[in-house]
Protein backbone atom coordinates (compact mmCIF):
# COMPACT_ATOMS: atom_id res chain seq x y z
CA MET A 1 -58.73 -57.74 -24.69
CA THR A 2 -57.77 -54.05 -25.25
CA ILE A 3 -59.94 -51.13 -23.95
CA LEU A 4 -61.46 -50.50 -27.46
CA SER A 5 -62.98 -53.87 -27.62
CA GLU A 6 -64.26 -53.75 -23.89
CA ALA A 7 -66.20 -50.33 -24.84
CA VAL A 8 -67.52 -52.26 -27.92
CA GLU A 9 -68.91 -54.96 -26.01
CA ALA A 10 -69.99 -52.66 -23.22
CA MET A 11 -72.31 -50.53 -25.54
CA PRO A 12 -72.64 -51.41 -29.25
CA MET A 13 -73.11 -47.68 -30.54
CA GLY A 14 -74.11 -48.83 -34.10
CA ARG A 15 -76.99 -50.69 -33.13
CA LEU A 16 -78.21 -48.39 -30.22
CA LYS A 17 -81.90 -47.96 -30.47
CA LEU A 18 -84.36 -46.17 -28.44
CA SER A 19 -85.32 -49.31 -26.39
CA ASP A 20 -81.94 -49.78 -25.34
CA LEU A 21 -81.83 -46.45 -23.16
CA PRO A 22 -83.22 -48.00 -20.18
CA ARG A 23 -80.32 -50.53 -20.11
CA LEU A 24 -77.96 -47.94 -21.20
CA ALA A 25 -79.27 -45.72 -18.25
CA ARG A 26 -78.96 -49.01 -15.73
CA ARG A 27 -75.38 -49.71 -16.86
CA HIS A 28 -73.98 -46.42 -17.36
CA PRO A 29 -75.86 -43.72 -15.68
CA LEU A 30 -73.01 -41.24 -15.35
CA VAL A 31 -73.05 -41.04 -19.17
CA LEU A 32 -76.65 -40.63 -19.45
CA SER A 33 -76.85 -37.84 -16.63
CA GLY A 34 -73.89 -36.10 -17.70
CA GLY A 35 -74.59 -36.01 -21.18
CA GLY A 36 -78.10 -35.09 -20.65
CA LEU A 37 -77.41 -32.36 -18.47
CA LEU A 38 -74.83 -31.19 -21.04
CA ALA A 39 -77.10 -31.32 -23.72
CA LEU A 40 -79.95 -29.24 -21.71
CA LEU A 41 -77.52 -26.56 -21.23
CA ILE A 42 -76.47 -26.42 -24.84
CA VAL A 43 -80.15 -26.25 -26.09
CA LEU A 44 -80.84 -23.69 -23.60
CA ALA A 45 -77.80 -21.58 -24.66
CA LEU A 46 -78.44 -22.23 -28.33
CA GLY A 47 -82.21 -21.12 -27.79
CA ALA A 48 -81.54 -18.22 -25.61
CA PRO A 49 -82.69 -15.49 -28.42
CA LEU A 50 -85.77 -17.15 -28.57
CA TYR A 51 -86.89 -16.88 -24.99
CA ALA A 52 -84.44 -15.01 -22.63
CA GLY A 53 -84.88 -11.70 -23.76
CA ASP A 54 -82.29 -8.86 -24.46
CA PRO A 55 -79.16 -9.28 -22.17
CA LEU A 56 -77.75 -5.80 -23.23
CA ASN A 57 -80.66 -3.76 -22.63
CA MET A 58 -80.05 -1.30 -19.88
CA ASP A 59 -82.88 0.54 -17.91
CA PRO A 60 -81.46 2.44 -14.89
CA PHE A 61 -84.70 2.83 -13.08
CA LYS A 62 -84.93 -0.88 -12.56
CA ARG A 63 -81.49 -1.40 -10.90
CA LEU A 64 -80.97 -4.24 -8.59
CA GLN A 65 -84.79 -5.32 -8.68
CA PRO A 66 -85.60 -8.55 -7.15
CA ALA A 67 -87.06 -11.67 -9.16
CA SER A 68 -90.50 -10.96 -10.90
CA ALA A 69 -92.78 -12.05 -13.82
CA GLU A 70 -90.67 -9.76 -15.98
CA MET A 71 -87.15 -10.58 -14.91
CA TRP A 72 -86.95 -14.08 -13.50
CA PHE A 73 -83.73 -13.72 -11.78
CA GLY A 74 -84.21 -9.72 -11.15
CA SER A 75 -81.62 -7.10 -12.42
CA ASP A 76 -78.13 -6.09 -12.06
CA ASN A 77 -76.63 -2.66 -11.00
CA LEU A 78 -77.17 -1.41 -14.61
CA GLY A 79 -80.78 -2.51 -14.74
CA ARG A 80 -79.96 -5.41 -17.18
CA ASP A 81 -81.88 -8.84 -16.85
CA VAL A 82 -79.90 -11.28 -15.10
CA PHE A 83 -81.86 -14.26 -16.24
CA ALA A 84 -81.22 -13.12 -19.95
CA ARG A 85 -77.58 -12.44 -19.25
CA THR A 86 -77.19 -15.92 -17.45
CA MET A 87 -78.69 -17.70 -20.39
CA PHE A 88 -76.47 -16.05 -23.13
CA GLY A 89 -73.51 -16.26 -20.65
CA ALA A 90 -73.92 -19.96 -21.22
CA ARG A 91 -73.21 -19.41 -24.87
CA ILE A 92 -69.50 -18.08 -23.87
CA SER A 93 -68.70 -20.62 -21.42
CA LEU A 94 -69.83 -23.81 -23.32
CA PHE A 95 -68.34 -22.51 -26.44
CA VAL A 96 -64.93 -22.11 -24.89
CA GLY A 97 -65.20 -25.21 -23.09
CA LEU A 98 -66.11 -27.20 -26.17
CA ALA A 99 -63.87 -25.33 -28.65
CA CYS A 100 -60.75 -25.79 -26.19
CA SER A 101 -61.17 -29.39 -25.87
CA GLY A 102 -61.77 -30.05 -29.55
CA LEU A 103 -58.63 -28.09 -30.64
CA ALA A 104 -56.47 -29.62 -27.78
CA ALA A 105 -57.68 -33.12 -28.61
CA LEU A 106 -56.96 -32.53 -32.40
CA GLY A 107 -53.63 -31.06 -31.54
CA GLY A 108 -52.65 -33.51 -28.66
CA LEU A 109 -53.65 -36.44 -31.22
CA LEU A 110 -51.56 -35.39 -33.66
CA ILE A 111 -48.42 -34.55 -31.61
CA GLY A 112 -48.77 -37.71 -29.40
CA VAL A 113 -49.04 -40.25 -32.38
CA VAL A 114 -46.02 -38.46 -33.87
CA ALA A 115 -43.98 -38.74 -30.60
CA GLY A 116 -45.30 -42.10 -29.68
CA TYR A 117 -44.47 -43.86 -33.02
CA SER A 118 -41.41 -41.99 -33.88
CA ARG A 119 -38.31 -42.42 -31.59
CA GLY A 120 -36.46 -39.35 -33.29
CA PHE A 121 -38.99 -37.08 -32.40
CA ASP A 122 -40.01 -38.21 -29.34
CA ASN A 123 -37.53 -36.49 -26.91
CA ILE A 124 -37.82 -33.05 -28.83
CA ILE A 125 -41.61 -33.02 -28.97
CA MET A 126 -41.86 -34.03 -25.35
CA ARG A 127 -39.61 -31.43 -23.89
CA ILE A 128 -41.58 -28.86 -25.65
CA MET A 129 -44.50 -30.08 -24.14
CA ASP A 130 -42.97 -30.05 -20.85
CA GLY A 131 -42.14 -26.39 -21.52
CA LEU A 132 -45.74 -25.54 -22.49
CA MET A 133 -46.97 -27.41 -19.46
CA SER A 134 -45.10 -25.04 -16.90
CA ILE A 135 -46.42 -22.10 -18.41
CA PRO A 136 -49.56 -21.00 -16.26
CA THR A 137 -52.63 -20.30 -18.21
CA PHE A 138 -53.71 -17.25 -16.66
CA LEU A 139 -50.19 -15.69 -17.19
CA LEU A 140 -50.23 -16.83 -20.87
CA ALA A 141 -53.78 -15.51 -21.55
CA ILE A 142 -52.94 -12.02 -19.51
CA ALA A 143 -49.49 -11.78 -21.60
CA LEU A 144 -51.22 -12.58 -24.89
CA ILE A 145 -54.53 -10.40 -24.15
CA SER A 146 -52.24 -7.53 -23.08
CA LEU A 147 -50.54 -7.60 -26.92
CA THR A 148 -53.65 -8.07 -28.67
CA GLY A 149 -56.60 -6.81 -26.60
CA PRO A 150 -59.31 -8.85 -24.89
CA GLY A 151 -61.34 -11.21 -27.13
CA LEU A 152 -62.95 -14.68 -27.37
CA SER A 153 -60.33 -16.11 -30.17
CA ILE A 154 -57.29 -14.91 -28.26
CA LEU A 155 -58.74 -16.60 -25.01
CA ILE A 156 -59.24 -19.92 -26.78
CA VAL A 157 -55.80 -19.97 -28.10
CA ALA A 158 -54.31 -19.54 -24.75
CA ILE A 159 -56.16 -22.01 -22.86
CA THR A 160 -55.59 -24.59 -25.90
CA ILE A 161 -51.90 -24.04 -25.76
CA THR A 162 -51.69 -24.91 -21.99
CA GLU A 163 -54.11 -27.75 -22.21
CA THR A 164 -52.72 -29.56 -25.29
CA PRO A 165 -49.49 -30.98 -23.58
CA SER A 166 -51.50 -33.03 -21.33
CA VAL A 167 -53.51 -34.75 -24.10
CA ALA A 168 -50.22 -35.10 -26.00
CA ARG A 169 -48.86 -37.03 -23.24
CA LEU A 170 -51.92 -39.32 -22.73
CA VAL A 171 -52.18 -40.20 -26.19
CA ARG A 172 -48.22 -40.81 -26.43
CA SER A 173 -48.63 -43.09 -23.63
CA VAL A 174 -51.44 -44.75 -25.45
CA VAL A 175 -49.30 -45.28 -28.57
CA LEU A 176 -46.37 -46.46 -27.11
CA GLY A 177 -48.25 -49.41 -25.77
CA VAL A 178 -50.25 -50.11 -29.04
CA ARG A 179 -47.31 -50.28 -31.19
CA GLU A 180 -45.75 -53.08 -29.55
CA ARG A 181 -49.20 -55.18 -29.88
CA PRO A 182 -48.48 -58.34 -32.20
CA TYR A 183 -51.24 -57.39 -34.39
CA VAL A 184 -49.54 -54.15 -35.18
CA GLU A 185 -46.37 -55.86 -35.59
CA ALA A 186 -48.23 -58.26 -37.90
CA ALA A 187 -49.56 -55.78 -39.94
CA LEU A 188 -46.07 -54.05 -40.57
CA SER A 189 -44.64 -57.75 -41.22
CA GLY A 190 -47.29 -58.22 -43.75
CA GLY A 191 -46.48 -55.33 -45.76
CA ALA A 192 -49.19 -52.95 -44.61
CA ARG A 193 -48.03 -49.31 -44.89
CA LEU A 194 -47.60 -46.81 -42.02
CA PRO A 195 -50.39 -44.43 -42.76
CA ARG A 196 -52.70 -47.56 -42.92
CA VAL A 197 -51.62 -49.12 -39.69
CA LEU A 198 -52.12 -45.51 -38.07
CA TRP A 199 -55.53 -45.24 -39.47
CA ARG A 200 -56.65 -48.92 -38.78
CA HIS A 201 -54.99 -49.73 -35.57
CA ILE A 202 -53.20 -46.70 -33.76
CA LEU A 203 -55.91 -44.14 -33.95
CA PRO A 204 -58.91 -46.10 -32.70
CA SER A 205 -56.97 -47.43 -29.76
CA THR A 206 -56.39 -43.64 -28.57
CA PHE A 207 -60.00 -42.76 -29.01
CA PRO A 208 -61.25 -43.59 -25.43
CA ALA A 209 -58.57 -42.17 -23.70
CA LEU A 210 -58.79 -39.12 -25.76
CA MET A 211 -62.82 -38.49 -25.07
CA VAL A 212 -62.22 -38.98 -21.35
CA GLN A 213 -59.60 -36.43 -21.54
CA SER A 214 -61.25 -33.93 -23.64
CA ALA A 215 -64.12 -33.98 -21.13
CA THR A 216 -61.41 -33.12 -18.31
CA VAL A 217 -60.00 -30.14 -20.38
CA CYS A 218 -63.63 -28.95 -21.11
CA ALA A 219 -64.36 -28.72 -17.40
CA SER A 220 -61.13 -26.98 -17.13
CA ALA A 221 -61.72 -24.44 -19.72
CA ILE A 222 -65.00 -23.52 -18.62
CA LEU A 223 -63.42 -22.50 -15.15
CA THR A 224 -60.37 -20.87 -16.55
CA GLU A 225 -62.64 -18.71 -19.05
CA ALA A 226 -64.96 -17.76 -15.90
CA GLY A 227 -61.58 -17.06 -13.59
CA LEU A 228 -60.10 -14.74 -16.53
CA SER A 229 -63.44 -12.91 -17.25
CA PHE A 230 -63.84 -12.42 -13.45
CA LEU A 231 -60.29 -10.49 -13.73
CA GLY A 232 -61.42 -8.61 -16.61
CA VAL A 233 -58.87 -10.28 -18.67
CA GLY A 234 -61.35 -12.52 -20.49
CA VAL A 235 -63.99 -11.57 -22.80
CA PRO A 236 -64.89 -7.83 -23.04
CA PRO A 237 -67.11 -6.77 -20.33
CA GLU A 238 -70.02 -5.77 -22.54
CA ILE A 239 -70.51 -9.50 -23.61
CA PRO A 240 -72.45 -11.39 -21.03
CA SER A 241 -70.15 -14.15 -19.35
CA TRP A 242 -70.62 -16.13 -15.94
CA GLY A 243 -67.37 -14.72 -14.91
CA ASN A 244 -67.64 -11.08 -15.61
CA MET A 245 -71.15 -11.33 -14.21
CA ILE A 246 -70.03 -12.38 -10.93
CA ALA A 247 -67.19 -9.94 -10.97
CA ASN A 248 -69.46 -7.13 -12.02
CA SER A 249 -72.02 -8.07 -9.23
CA ARG A 250 -69.88 -8.97 -6.07
CA LEU A 251 -70.47 -5.43 -4.53
CA TYR A 252 -74.15 -6.31 -4.51
CA LEU A 253 -74.33 -9.42 -3.02
CA ALA A 254 -76.09 -8.56 0.14
CA ILE A 255 -78.71 -6.42 -1.62
CA ALA A 256 -79.23 -8.75 -5.00
CA PRO A 257 -77.54 -12.10 -4.56
CA MET A 258 -79.15 -13.73 -7.62
CA THR A 259 -76.78 -11.61 -9.46
CA ILE A 260 -74.00 -13.76 -8.30
CA PHE A 261 -75.96 -17.13 -7.63
CA ALA A 262 -77.51 -17.37 -10.94
CA PRO A 263 -74.33 -17.27 -12.88
CA GLY A 264 -72.45 -19.12 -10.06
CA ILE A 265 -75.00 -22.14 -10.01
CA CYS A 266 -75.05 -22.50 -13.79
CA LEU A 267 -71.13 -22.28 -13.62
CA ALA A 268 -71.16 -25.34 -11.36
CA VAL A 269 -74.05 -27.37 -13.07
CA ALA A 270 -72.01 -27.19 -16.22
CA VAL A 271 -68.66 -28.27 -14.72
CA LEU A 272 -70.55 -31.03 -12.86
CA ALA A 273 -72.16 -32.48 -16.09
CA VAL A 274 -68.97 -32.40 -18.10
CA ASN A 275 -67.38 -34.13 -15.19
CA LEU A 276 -69.97 -36.46 -14.78
CA LEU A 277 -69.76 -37.30 -18.47
CA GLY A 278 -66.04 -37.70 -18.45
CA ASP A 279 -66.45 -40.07 -15.41
CA GLY A 280 -69.07 -42.13 -17.29
CA LEU A 281 -66.97 -42.36 -20.59
CA ARG A 282 -64.32 -43.65 -18.15
CA ASP A 283 -66.23 -46.37 -16.63
CA LEU A 284 -67.77 -46.98 -20.27
CA PHE A 285 -64.35 -47.51 -21.99
CA ASP A 286 -62.43 -49.13 -19.16
CA PRO A 287 -64.81 -51.35 -17.04
CA ARG A 288 -61.99 -52.77 -15.27
CA ALA A 289 -61.49 -49.25 -13.67
CA LYS A 290 -64.94 -48.96 -12.38
CA ARG A 291 -64.79 -52.45 -10.87
CA ARG A 292 -61.45 -51.53 -9.00
CA ARG A 293 -63.24 -48.35 -7.25
């Protein structure tokens, strides 16, 4: 039985109804808790303009104020609302994480399928991937930003370049195993064309592993963006981001701890949600891994 068939048996997504949620929560609590927490963060980030206020408005007379009814998390050293900046900063971190995981998954899928099914290109492509994996993300991001200037797009490109090889290697390993299966050989012997075999048999077998790896890439990208912004080479300083919020407020920890705790806790919660979702997807798509633990 393949991993894909076990996943279908574990949770038939096509017939999932509202009444099935208690059973889903009981059998796969990590998927529901991680996915629900991540969905809540996305909703809060998207709806920030409706309730959070202006994250860029500066009032020097309200510098480093404690939490109040007007500013729930207080204000920073420039008199900006920490709550508003934290909620708008979630947009940056979640967008970078989701964009990098999506692009890395797409690029890794294409590269992994070609490398796993084409023996002629396998060595060439994998050596290129090995070279890319040896490049530290921080150094690549700093090099690109020094050439083009800080920006969200160049940050996503730098993270995606270094995360794609790990996805490609994983997809390649799955393809190498699936292409030797009897049903694939039977399809080819029966006259099925290669594109049809790839679409019907090879690609579906890679999706479970690809989804789990995408969650890992998403969490890594969120942390990398925060680290680069903390160093001042991420998004521009005027754009609220959890990383640059912590960097700008590190000197005022004793006076206004919420200026660091608010973005720091949100960063930890976001990474925790993605990791819970990834662990839950792994247990969902490979029940044998759950039983081995």
